[in-house]
């Protein structure tokens, strides 16, 4: 589990939603990668500046009517954000 200090320094977040999102969703998640997984899941991976920004991502997904499956903080050294973003 990431410490509060690590989260406050920024890094990467992965959120899973119960839907297959197409490229039209990129306007809502600028700078995030959109990867389809399984029959009905999309993994959104992207940068977050700090804990405040991290809390905003699930709120934005909720406001768009998406069903959250999970939200995961990824330490910067565990995974790099791909250069090819949505």
PDB file of N, CA and C in Angstrom:
ATOM      1  N   UNK A   1       0.840  -1.173   0.000  1.00  0.00           N
ATOM      2  CA  UNK A   1       0.000   0.000   0.000  1.00  0.00           C
ATOM      3  C   UNK A   1       0.888   1.240   0.000  1.00  0.00           C
ATOM      4  N   UNK A   2       0.495   2.217  -0.773  1.00  0.00           N
ATOM      5  CA  UNK A   2       1.269   3.447  -0.886  1.00  0.00           C
ATOM      6  C   UNK A   2       1.077   4.299   0.356  1.00  0.00           C
ATOM      7  N   UNK A   3       2.157   4.968   0.748  1.00  0.00           N
ATOM      8  CA  UNK A   3       2.059   5.864   1.889  1.00  0.00           C
ATOM      9  C   UNK A   3       1.422   7.178   1.458  1.00  0.00           C
ATOM     10  N   UNK A   4       0.958   7.942   2.447  1.00  0.00           N
ATOM     11  CA  UNK A   4       0.356   9.239   2.140  1.00  0.00           C
ATOM     12  C   UNK A   4       1.368  10.148   1.455  1.00  0.00           C
ATOM     13  N   UNK A   5       2.613  10.069   1.864  1.00  0.00           N
ATOM     14  CA  UNK A   5       3.656  10.895   1.243  1.00  0.00           C
ATOM     15  C   UNK A   5       3.825  10.549  -0.231  1.00  0.00           C
ATOM     16  N   UNK A   6       3.847   9.242  -0.546  1.00  0.00           N
ATOM     17  CA  UNK A   6       3.982   8.827  -1.942  1.00  0.00           C
ATOM     18  C   UNK A   6       2.825   9.344  -2.786  1.00  0.00           C
ATOM     19  N   UNK A   7       1.613   9.252  -2.258  1.00  0.00           N
ATOM     20  CA  UNK A   7       0.448   9.713  -2.999  1.00  0.00           C
ATOM     21  C   UNK A   7       0.489  11.221  -3.178  1.00  0.00           C
ATOM     22  N   UNK A   8       0.916  11.944  -2.159  1.00  0.00           N
ATOM     23  CA  UNK A   8       0.979  13.397  -2.249  1.00  0.00           C
ATOM     24  C   UNK A   8       2.058  13.870  -3.207  1.00  0.00           C
ATOM     25  N   UNK A   9       3.006  13.003  -3.547  1.00  0.00           N
ATOM     26  CA  UNK A   9       4.050  13.354  -4.510  1.00  0.00           C
ATOM     27  C   UNK A   9       3.614  13.087  -5.944  1.00  0.00           C
ATOM     28  N   UNK A  10       2.444  12.508  -6.131  1.00  0.00           N
ATOM     29  CA  UNK A  10       1.958  12.217  -7.473  1.00  0.00           C
ATOM     30  C   UNK A  10       2.393  10.855  -7.951  1.00  0.00           C
ATOM     31  N   UNK A  11       1.791  10.423  -9.021  1.00  0.00           N
ATOM     32  CA  UNK A  11       2.112   9.116  -9.577  1.00  0.00           C
ATOM     33  C   UNK A  11       1.041   8.673 -10.562  1.00  0.00           C
ATOM     34  N   UNK A  12       0.744   7.388 -10.522  1.00  0.00           N
ATOM     35  CA  UNK A  12      -0.161   6.797 -11.495  1.00  0.00           C
ATOM     36  C   UNK A  12      -1.323   6.113 -10.792  1.00  0.00           C
ATOM     37  N   UNK A  13      -2.478   6.181 -11.402  1.00  0.00           N
ATOM     38  CA  UNK A  13      -3.685   5.549 -10.873  1.00  0.00           C
ATOM     39  C   UNK A  13      -4.267   4.641 -11.955  1.00  0.00           C
ATOM     40  N   UNK A  14      -4.806   3.515 -11.532  1.00  0.00           N
ATOM     41  CA  UNK A  14      -5.558   2.619 -12.426  1.00  0.00           C
ATOM     42  C   UNK A  14      -6.971   2.519 -11.888  1.00  0.00           C
ATOM     43  N   UNK A  15      -7.946   2.807 -12.748  1.00  0.00           N
ATOM     44  CA  UNK A  15      -9.322   2.563 -12.335  1.00  0.00           C
ATOM     45  C   UNK A  15      -9.955   1.619 -13.342  1.00  0.00           C
ATOM     46  N   UNK A  16     -10.731   0.697 -12.814  1.00  0.00           N
ATOM     47  CA  UNK A  16     -11.468  -0.250 -13.651  1.00  0.00           C
ATOM     48  C   UNK A  16     -12.936   0.116 -13.588  1.00  0.00           C
ATOM     49  N   UNK A  17     -13.551   0.142 -14.763  1.00  0.00           N
ATOM     50  CA  UNK A  17     -14.987   0.421 -14.846  1.00  0.00           C
ATOM     51  C   UNK A  17     -15.666  -0.718 -15.589  1.00  0.00           C
ATOM     52  N   UNK A  18     -16.932  -0.940 -15.249  1.00  0.00           N
ATOM     53  CA  UNK A  18     -17.704  -2.031 -15.843  1.00  0.00           C
ATOM     54  C   UNK A  18     -18.350  -1.545 -17.133  1.00  0.00           C
ATOM     55  N   UNK A  19     -17.536  -1.418 -18.162  1.00  0.00           N
ATOM     56  CA  UNK A  19     -18.004  -1.012 -19.496  1.00  0.00           C
ATOM     57  C   UNK A  19     -16.813  -1.025 -20.434  1.00  0.00           C
ATOM     58  N   UNK A  20     -17.073  -1.211 -21.705  1.00  0.00           N
ATOM     59  CA  UNK A  20     -16.034  -1.020 -22.709  1.00  0.00           C
ATOM     60  C   UNK A  20     -16.159   0.401 -23.220  1.00  0.00           C
ATOM     61  N   UNK A  21     -15.141   1.201 -22.970  1.00  0.00           N
ATOM     62  CA  UNK A  21     -15.142   2.595 -23.403  1.00  0.00           C
ATOM     63  C   UNK A  21     -14.408   2.722 -24.719  1.00  0.00           C
ATOM     64  N   UNK A  22     -14.938   3.519 -25.619  1.00  0.00           N
ATOM     65  CA  UNK A  22     -14.249   3.752 -26.887  1.00  0.00           C
ATOM     66  C   UNK A  22     -13.507   5.083 -26.815  1.00  0.00           C
ATOM     67  N   UNK A  23     -12.926   5.478 -27.922  1.00  0.00           N
ATOM     68  CA  UNK A  23     -12.082   6.677 -27.935  1.00  0.00           C
ATOM     69  C   UNK A  23     -12.852   7.963 -27.654  1.00  0.00           C
ATOM     70  N   UNK A  24     -14.176   7.940 -27.786  1.00  0.00           N
ATOM     71  CA  UNK A  24     -14.954   9.151 -27.510  1.00  0.00           C
ATOM     72  C   UNK A  24     -14.866   9.569 -26.043  1.00  0.00           C
ATOM     73  N   UNK A  25     -14.478   8.644 -25.174  1.00  0.00           N
ATOM     74  CA  UNK A  25     -14.349   8.957 -23.751  1.00  0.00           C
ATOM     75  C   UNK A  25     -13.057   9.710 -23.437  1.00  0.00           C
ATOM     76  N   UNK A  26     -12.160   9.818 -24.407  1.00  0.00           N
ATOM     77  CA  UNK A  26     -10.858  10.436 -24.146  1.00  0.00           C
ATOM     78  C   UNK A  26     -10.978  11.889 -23.703  1.00  0.00           C
ATOM     79  N   UNK A  27     -12.044  12.577 -24.111  1.00  0.00           N
ATOM     80  CA  UNK A  27     -12.221  13.967 -23.696  1.00  0.00           C
ATOM     81  C   UNK A  27     -12.427  14.091 -22.187  1.00  0.00           C
ATOM     82  N   UNK A  28     -12.909  13.038 -21.541  1.00  0.00           N
ATOM     83  CA  UNK A  28     -13.156  13.061 -20.101  1.00  0.00           C
ATOM     84  C   UNK A  28     -11.945  12.613 -19.300  1.00  0.00           C
ATOM     85  N   UNK A  29     -11.042  11.878 -19.933  1.00  0.00           N
ATOM     86  CA  UNK A  29      -9.858  11.366 -19.249  1.00  0.00           C
ATOM     87  C   UNK A  29      -8.618  11.714 -20.073  1.00  0.00           C
ATOM     88  N   UNK A  30      -8.370  12.998 -20.210  1.00  0.00           N
ATOM     89  CA  UNK A  30      -7.252  13.489 -21.022  1.00  0.00           C
ATOM     90  C   UNK A  30      -5.934  13.023 -20.407  1.00  0.00           C
ATOM     91  N   UNK A  31      -5.089  12.424 -21.241  1.00  0.00           N
ATOM     92  CA  UNK A  31      -3.792  11.950 -20.781  1.00  0.00           C
ATOM     93  C   UNK A  31      -3.821  10.567 -20.162  1.00  0.00           C
ATOM     94  N   UNK A  32      -4.965   9.903 -20.232  1.00  0.00           N
ATOM     95  CA  UNK A  32      -5.101   8.567 -19.648  1.00  0.00           C
ATOM     96  C   UNK A  32      -5.185   7.519 -20.747  1.00  0.00           C
ATOM     97  N   UNK A  33      -4.640   6.355 -20.461  1.00  0.00           N
ATOM     98  CA  UNK A  33      -4.706   5.229 -21.396  1.00  0.00           C
ATOM     99  C   UNK A  33      -5.967   4.430 -21.119  1.00  0.00           C
ATOM    100  N   UNK A  34      -6.624   4.004 -22.164  1.00  0.00           N
ATOM    101  CA  UNK A  34      -7.883   3.272 -22.100  1.00  0.00           C
ATOM    102  C   UNK A  34      -7.613   1.870 -22.649  1.00  0.00           C
ATOM    103  N   UNK A  35      -7.681   0.838 -21.788  1.00  0.00           N
ATOM    104  CA  UNK A  35      -7.414  -0.533 -22.208  1.00  0.00           C
ATOM    105  C   UNK A  35      -8.614  -1.414 -21.883  1.00  0.00           C
ATOM    106  N   UNK A  36      -9.150  -2.059 -22.912  1.00  0.00           N
ATOM    107  CA  UNK A  36     -10.263  -2.984 -22.679  1.00  0.00           C
ATOM    108  C   UNK A  36      -9.723  -4.283 -22.103  1.00  0.00           C
ATOM    109  N   UNK A  37     -10.498  -4.827 -21.162  1.00  0.00           N
ATOM    110  CA  UNK A  37     -10.085  -6.046 -20.476  1.00  0.00           C
ATOM    111  C   UNK A  37     -11.318  -6.922 -20.280  1.00  0.00           C
ATOM    112  N   UNK A  38     -11.241  -8.152 -20.710  1.00  0.00           N
ATOM    113  CA  UNK A  38     -12.375  -9.054 -20.535  1.00  0.00           C
ATOM    114  C   UNK A  38     -13.575  -8.639 -21.370  1.00  0.00           C
ATOM    115  N   UNK A  39     -14.743  -9.143 -20.978  1.00  0.00           N
ATOM    116  CA  UNK A  39     -15.957  -8.900 -21.745  1.00  0.00           C
ATOM    117  C   UNK A  39     -16.571  -7.524 -21.506  1.00  0.00           C
ATOM    118  N   UNK A  40     -16.394  -6.967 -20.318  1.00  0.00           N
ATOM    119  CA  UNK A  40     -17.098  -5.730 -20.016  1.00  0.00           C
ATOM    120  C   UNK A  40     -16.326  -4.848 -19.031  1.00  0.00           C
ATOM    121  N   UNK A  41     -15.017  -4.740 -19.201  1.00  0.00           N
ATOM    122  CA  UNK A  41     -14.210  -3.930 -18.288  1.00  0.00           C
ATOM    123  C   UNK A  41     -13.231  -3.092 -19.090  1.00  0.00           C
ATOM    124  N   UNK A  42     -13.046  -1.865 -18.642  1.00  0.00           N
ATOM    125  CA  UNK A  42     -12.014  -0.995 -19.193  1.00  0.00           C
ATOM    126  C   UNK A  42     -11.127  -0.548 -18.049  1.00  0.00           C
ATOM    127  N   UNK A  43      -9.815  -0.577 -18.279  1.00  0.00           N
ATOM    128  CA  UNK A  43      -8.851  -0.083 -17.310  1.00  0.00           C
ATOM    129  C   UNK A  43      -8.346   1.263 -17.811  1.00  0.00           C
ATOM    130  N   UNK A  44      -8.528   2.282 -16.998  1.00  0.00           N
ATOM    131  CA  UNK A  44      -8.031   3.616 -17.299  1.00  0.00           C
ATOM    132  C   UNK A  44      -6.789   3.841 -16.449  1.00  0.00           C
ATOM    133  N   UNK A  45      -5.669   4.158 -17.101  1.00  0.00           N
ATOM    134  CA  UNK A  45      -4.402   4.347 -16.409  1.00  0.00           C
ATOM    135  C   UNK A  45      -3.883   5.734 -16.735  1.00  0.00           C
ATOM    136  N   UNK A  46      -3.565   6.482 -15.685  1.00  0.00           N
ATOM    137  CA  UNK A  46      -3.084   7.827 -15.957  1.00  0.00           C
ATOM    138  C   UNK A  46      -2.446   8.487 -14.762  1.00  0.00           C
ATOM    139  N   UNK A  47      -1.876   9.646 -15.011  1.00  0.00           N
ATOM    140  CA  UNK A  47      -1.153  10.369 -13.964  1.00  0.00           C
ATOM    141  C   UNK A  47      -2.098  11.123 -13.029  1.00  0.00           C
ATOM    142  N   UNK A  48      -1.719  11.179 -11.773  1.00  0.00           N
ATOM    143  CA  UNK A  48      -2.401  12.033 -10.804  1.00  0.00           C
ATOM    144  C   UNK A  48      -1.349  12.869 -10.095  1.00  0.00           C
ATOM    145  N   UNK A  49      -1.668  14.129  -9.882  1.00  0.00           N
ATOM    146  CA  UNK A  49      -0.693  15.053  -9.310  1.00  0.00           C
ATOM    147  C   UNK A  49      -0.503  14.857  -7.811  1.00  0.00           C
ATOM    148  N   UNK A  50      -1.580  14.486  -7.116  1.00  0.00           N
ATOM    149  CA  UNK A  50      -1.529  14.360  -5.660  1.00  0.00           C
ATOM    150  C   UNK A  50      -2.788  13.650  -5.180  1.00  0.00           C
ATOM    151  N   UNK A  51      -2.947  13.556  -3.862  1.00  0.00           N
ATOM    152  CA  UNK A  51      -4.089  12.841  -3.309  1.00  0.00           C
ATOM    153  C   UNK A  51      -5.410  13.520  -3.666  1.00  0.00           C
ATOM    154  N   UNK A  52      -5.440  14.828  -3.693  1.00  0.00           N
ATOM    155  CA  UNK A  52      -6.660  15.543  -4.077  1.00  0.00           C
ATOM    156  C   UNK A  52      -7.097  15.127  -5.473  1.00  0.00           C
ATOM    157  N   UNK A  53      -6.169  15.084  -6.418  1.00  0.00           N
ATOM    158  CA  UNK A  53      -6.482  14.670  -7.790  1.00  0.00           C
ATOM    159  C   UNK A  53      -6.918  13.210  -7.828  1.00  0.00           C
ATOM    160  N   UNK A  54      -6.296  12.374  -7.013  1.00  0.00           N
ATOM    161  CA  UNK A  54      -6.654  10.958  -6.957  1.00  0.00           C
ATOM    162  C   UNK A  54      -8.113  10.785  -6.537  1.00  0.00           C
ATOM    163  N   UNK A  55      -8.571  11.561  -5.588  1.00  0.00           N
ATOM    164  CA  UNK A  55      -9.964  11.483  -5.141  1.00  0.00           C
ATOM    165  C   UNK A  55     -10.932  11.960  -6.218  1.00  0.00           C
ATOM    166  N   UNK A  56     -10.475  12.829  -7.096  1.00  0.00           N
ATOM    167  CA  UNK A  56     -11.345  13.358  -8.137  1.00  0.00           C
ATOM    168  C   UNK A  56     -11.650  12.381  -9.254  1.00  0.00           C
ATOM    169  N   UNK A  57     -10.773  11.412  -9.476  1.00  0.00           N
ATOM    170  CA  UNK A  57     -10.960  10.475 -10.593  1.00  0.00           C
ATOM    171  C   UNK A  57     -12.213   9.615 -10.414  1.00  0.00           C
ATOM    172  N   UNK A  58     -12.405   8.952  -9.272  1.00  0.00           N
ATOM    173  CA  UNK A  58     -13.641   8.171  -9.118  1.00  0.00           C
ATOM    174  C   UNK A  58     -14.895   9.047  -9.138  1.00  0.00           C
ATOM    175  N   UNK A  59     -14.791  10.271  -8.642  1.00  0.00           N
ATOM    176  CA  UNK A  59     -15.934  11.183  -8.665  1.00  0.00           C
ATOM    177  C   UNK A  59     -16.308  11.500 -10.111  1.00  0.00           C
ATOM    178  N   UNK A  60     -15.289  11.746 -10.941  1.00  0.00           N
ATOM    179  CA  UNK A  60     -15.548  12.028 -12.350  1.00  0.00           C
ATOM    180  C   UNK A  60     -16.191  10.819 -13.025  1.00  0.00           C
ATOM    181  N   UNK A  61     -15.694   9.624 -12.733  1.00  0.00           N
ATOM    182  CA  UNK A  61     -16.280   8.410 -13.314  1.00  0.00           C
ATOM    183  C   UNK A  61     -17.739   8.272 -12.874  1.00  0.00           C
ATOM    184  N   UNK A  62     -18.013   8.511 -11.606  1.00  0.00           N
ATOM    185  CA  UNK A  62     -19.388   8.440 -11.099  1.00  0.00           C
ATOM    186  C   UNK A  62     -20.282   9.457 -11.796  1.00  0.00           C
ATOM    187  N   UNK A  63     -19.787  10.679 -11.944  1.00  0.00           N
ATOM    188  CA  UNK A  63     -20.575  11.728 -12.586  1.00  0.00           C
ATOM    189  C   UNK A  63     -20.905  11.391 -14.038  1.00  0.00           C
ATOM    190  N   UNK A  64     -20.074  10.571 -14.667  1.00  0.00           N
ATOM    191  CA  UNK A  64     -20.313  10.150 -16.042  1.00  0.00           C
ATOM    192  C   UNK A  64     -21.203   8.911 -16.120  1.00  0.00           C
ATOM    193  N   UNK A  65     -21.619   8.396 -14.968  1.00  0.00           N
ATOM    194  CA  UNK A  65     -22.502   7.238 -14.939  1.00  0.00           C
ATOM    195  C   UNK A  65     -21.788   5.908 -15.095  1.00  0.00           C
ATOM    196  N   UNK A  66     -20.475   5.894 -14.895  1.00  0.00           N
ATOM    197  CA  UNK A  66     -19.706   4.653 -15.013  1.00  0.00           C
ATOM    198  C   UNK A  66     -19.756   3.887 -13.702  1.00  0.00           C
ATOM    199  N   UNK A  67     -19.773   2.565 -13.788  1.00  0.00           N
ATOM    200  CA  UNK A  67     -19.742   1.720 -12.599  1.00  0.00           C
ATOM    201  C   UNK A  67     -18.295   1.383 -12.270  1.00  0.00           C
ATOM    202  N   UNK A  68     -17.834   1.821 -11.093  1.00  0.00           N
ATOM    203  CA  UNK A  68     -16.458   1.549 -10.672  1.00  0.00           C
ATOM    204  C   UNK A  68     -16.322   0.108 -10.226  1.00  0.00           C
ATOM    205  N   UNK A  69     -15.259  -0.537 -10.681  1.00  0.00           N
ATOM    206  CA  UNK A  69     -14.926  -1.884 -10.237  1.00  0.00           C
ATOM    207  C   UNK A  69     -13.807  -1.790  -9.200  1.00  0.00           C
ATOM    208  N   UNK A  70     -12.790  -0.969  -9.490  1.00  0.00           N
ATOM    209  CA  UNK A  70     -11.697  -0.788  -8.535  1.00  0.00           C
ATOM    210  C   UNK A  70     -10.919   0.493  -8.848  1.00  0.00           C
ATOM    211  N   UNK A  71     -10.235   0.973  -7.831  1.00  0.00           N
ATOM    212  CA  UNK A  71      -9.327   2.108  -7.955  1.00  0.00           C
ATOM    213  C   UNK A  71      -8.029   1.675  -7.294  1.00  0.00           C
ATOM    214  N   UNK A  72      -6.928   1.793  -8.031  1.00  0.00           N
ATOM    215  CA  UNK A  72      -5.639   1.328  -7.507  1.00  0.00           C
ATOM    216  C   UNK A  72      -4.573   2.388  -7.742  1.00  0.00           C
ATOM    217  N   UNK A  73      -3.848   2.696  -6.685  1.00  0.00           N
ATOM    218  CA  UNK A  73      -2.681   3.566  -6.773  1.00  0.00           C
ATOM    219  C   UNK A  73      -1.500   2.703  -7.194  1.00  0.00           C
ATOM    220  N   UNK A  74      -0.794   3.108  -8.233  1.00  0.00           N
ATOM    221  CA  UNK A  74       0.373   2.366  -8.706  1.00  0.00           C
ATOM    222  C   UNK A  74       1.599   3.219  -8.437  1.00  0.00           C
ATOM    223  N   UNK A  75       2.515   2.689  -7.656  1.00  0.00           N
ATOM    224  CA  UNK A  75       3.738   3.441  -7.378  1.00  0.00           C
ATOM    225  C   UNK A  75       4.452   3.726  -8.690  1.00  0.00           C
ATOM    226  N   UNK A  76       5.055   4.894  -8.808  1.00  0.00           N
ATOM    227  CA  UNK A  76       5.711   5.261 -10.068  1.00  0.00           C
ATOM    228  C   UNK A  76       6.715   4.232 -10.578  1.00  0.00           C
ATOM    229  N   UNK A  77       7.418   3.530  -9.686  1.00  0.00           N
ATOM    230  CA  UNK A  77       8.410   2.564 -10.140  1.00  0.00           C
ATOM    231  C   UNK A  77       7.797   1.211 -10.502  1.00  0.00           C
ATOM    232  N   UNK A  78       6.498   1.002 -10.205  1.00  0.00           N
ATOM    233  CA  UNK A  78       5.861  -0.267 -10.553  1.00  0.00           C
ATOM    234  C   UNK A  78       5.442  -0.309 -12.012  1.00  0.00           C
ATOM    235  N   UNK A  79       5.014   0.817 -12.538  1.00  0.00           N
ATOM    236  CA  UNK A  79       4.552   0.862 -13.914  1.00  0.00           C
ATOM    237  C   UNK A  79       4.710   2.284 -14.427  1.00  0.00           C
ATOM    238  N   UNK A  80       5.192   2.384 -15.623  1.00  0.00           N
ATOM    239  CA  UNK A  80       5.296   3.689 -16.260  1.00  0.00           C
ATOM    240  C   UNK A  80       4.037   3.926 -17.070  1.00  0.00           C
ATOM    241  N   UNK A  81       3.604   5.156 -17.139  1.00  0.00           N
ATOM    242  CA  UNK A  81       2.462   5.491 -17.974  1.00  0.00           C
ATOM    243  C   UNK A  81       2.907   5.409 -19.424  1.00  0.00           C
ATOM    244  N   UNK A  82       2.218   4.636 -20.254  1.00  0.00           N
ATOM    245  CA  UNK A  82       2.626   4.487 -21.653  1.00  0.00           C
ATOM    246  C   UNK A  82       2.600   5.816 -22.387  1.00  0.00           C
ATOM    247  N   UNK A  83       3.468   5.939 -23.377  1.00  0.00           N
ATOM    248  CA  UNK A  83       3.507   7.158 -24.156  1.00  0.00           C
ATOM    249  C   UNK A  83       2.271   7.300 -25.029  1.00  0.00           C
ATOM    250  N   UNK A  84       1.716   6.169 -25.466  1.00  0.00           N
ATOM    251  CA  UNK A  84       0.505   6.207 -26.280  1.00  0.00           C
ATOM    252  C   UNK A  84      -0.694   6.299 -25.357  1.00  0.00           C
ATOM    253  N   UNK A  85      -1.254   7.477 -25.264  1.00  0.00           N
ATOM    254  CA  UNK A  85      -2.367   7.724 -24.361  1.00  0.00           C
ATOM    255  C   UNK A  85      -3.643   7.876 -25.150  1.00  0.00           C
ATOM    256  N   UNK A  86      -4.781   7.790 -24.457  1.00  0.00           N
ATOM    257  CA  UNK A  86      -6.065   7.936 -25.141  1.00  0.00           C
ATOM    258  C   UNK A  86      -6.293   9.381 -25.525  1.00  0.00           C
TER     259      UNK A  86
END
